[in-house]
Structure formats: C-alpha cells, structure tokens
Amino acid sequence: MVTIAEGVRLTGAALGAVGGALVALEFFQVPSYVTYEEEWDSYDIDIAPATVTEHTNLGRVGGLLVSLGFTLLFIGELL
C-alpha cells in the first residue's frame, strides 16, 4: 500500500513530467509573426507588437503543471 506522502510525491513527479513534455512541445512551435512563402522559398517576419503571440496555452499549462509538480514534491517531503 502506498502511503500518503509517497502518493503525493508520485503525483508531483507525474505532473512535472507531463508539464515538462508540454513545455518541450512549446519550443517546436513557430511564432505567429513568422510566415513561410512557398513561392519564394523564404521566411518572412512581420512584427506588429499588438498582434504578436509567442506563447500558446500549451506552454502555459505545461509551466503550471511543472510548478504544481514541484509543489507536490515539496509537500510530499514535508509529510
């Protein structure tokens, strides 16, 4: 049987691993201001500060899961 402290630590490790994978996937996304022109075989950068989005919800959720995982690991050690 798993004790409460071990269960909290295992849950924290699992959430941290999932969050880390989501953050890693975030790095492979192309920012919204970069477009690829097939006709010219080149990339164009069009930066308008009001419309630029560099991060998606995938990365934000991943960051929250990593922080929640570290919090649960810490709480599990205190128990």
Protein backbone atom coordinates (compact mmCIF):
# COMPACT_ATOMS: atom_id res chain seq x y z
CA MET A 1 0.00 0.00 0.00
CA VAL A 2 1.25 3.45 -0.86
CA THR A 3 1.41 5.97 1.96
CA ILE A 4 0.00 9.46 1.56
CA ALA A 5 3.46 11.04 1.35
CA GLU A 6 4.58 8.60 -1.35
CA GLY A 7 1.35 9.15 -3.28
CA VAL A 8 1.79 12.93 -3.17
CA ARG A 9 5.41 12.63 -4.35
CA LEU A 10 4.46 10.25 -7.17
CA THR A 11 1.64 12.56 -8.27
CA GLY A 12 4.02 15.52 -8.23
CA ALA A 13 6.57 13.65 -10.32
CA ALA A 14 3.91 12.60 -12.84
CA LEU A 15 2.51 16.13 -13.17
CA GLY A 16 6.02 17.54 -13.53
CA ALA A 17 6.83 15.05 -16.29
CA VAL A 18 3.66 15.86 -18.24
CA GLY A 19 4.25 19.59 -17.77
CA GLY A 20 7.85 19.27 -18.93
CA ALA A 21 6.72 17.46 -22.06
CA LEU A 22 4.20 20.23 -22.82
CA VAL A 23 6.86 22.90 -22.36
CA ALA A 24 9.18 20.94 -24.67
CA LEU A 25 6.44 20.82 -27.32
CA GLU A 26 6.06 24.58 -26.98
CA PHE A 27 9.64 25.07 -28.19
CA PHE A 28 8.86 23.44 -31.54
CA GLN A 29 6.03 25.80 -32.47
CA VAL A 30 6.56 28.59 -35.00
CA PRO A 31 5.71 32.06 -33.63
CA SER A 32 2.72 33.84 -35.13
CA TYR A 33 4.85 36.56 -36.73
CA VAL A 34 6.86 34.12 -38.90
CA THR A 35 5.36 33.03 -42.24
CA TYR A 36 6.76 30.80 -44.95
CA GLU A 37 6.42 31.80 -48.60
CA GLU A 38 6.48 28.67 -50.78
CA GLU A 39 6.69 30.65 -53.99
CA TRP A 40 9.94 32.34 -52.94
CA ASP A 41 11.14 29.55 -50.62
CA SER A 42 11.77 32.02 -47.82
CA TYR A 43 10.55 33.02 -44.40
CA ASP A 44 9.06 36.44 -43.73
CA ILE A 45 8.99 38.15 -40.36
CA ASP A 46 6.17 40.63 -39.80
CA ILE A 47 6.22 42.01 -36.29
CA ALA A 48 3.31 44.11 -35.09
CA PRO A 49 3.57 44.41 -31.29
CA ALA A 50 -0.19 44.41 -30.80
CA THR A 51 -0.74 41.07 -32.55
CA VAL A 52 2.36 39.05 -31.64
CA THR A 53 1.77 35.86 -29.66
CA GLU A 54 4.92 33.98 -28.77
CA HIS A 55 3.45 31.52 -26.29
CA THR A 56 0.43 29.28 -26.58
CA ASN A 57 -1.78 27.76 -23.93
CA LEU A 58 0.20 24.55 -24.32
CA GLY A 59 3.30 26.15 -22.81
CA ARG A 60 1.33 27.98 -20.14
CA VAL A 61 -0.39 24.80 -18.97
CA GLY A 62 2.94 22.97 -19.06
CA GLY A 63 4.56 25.62 -16.88
CA LEU A 64 1.70 25.44 -14.39
CA LEU A 65 1.93 21.64 -14.26
CA VAL A 66 5.69 21.78 -13.65
CA SER A 67 5.23 24.26 -10.81
CA LEU A 68 2.39 22.19 -9.34
CA GLY A 69 4.57 19.09 -9.60
CA PHE A 70 7.42 20.76 -7.70
CA THR A 71 4.93 21.96 -5.08
CA LEU A 72 3.57 18.44 -4.57
CA LEU A 73 7.10 17.03 -4.34
CA PHE A 74 7.90 19.57 -1.63
CA ILE A 75 4.68 18.85 0.26
CA GLY A 76 5.33 15.12 -0.03
CA GLU A 77 8.74 15.57 1.59
CA LEU A 78 7.18 17.52 4.45
CA LEU A 79 4.64 14.79 5.10
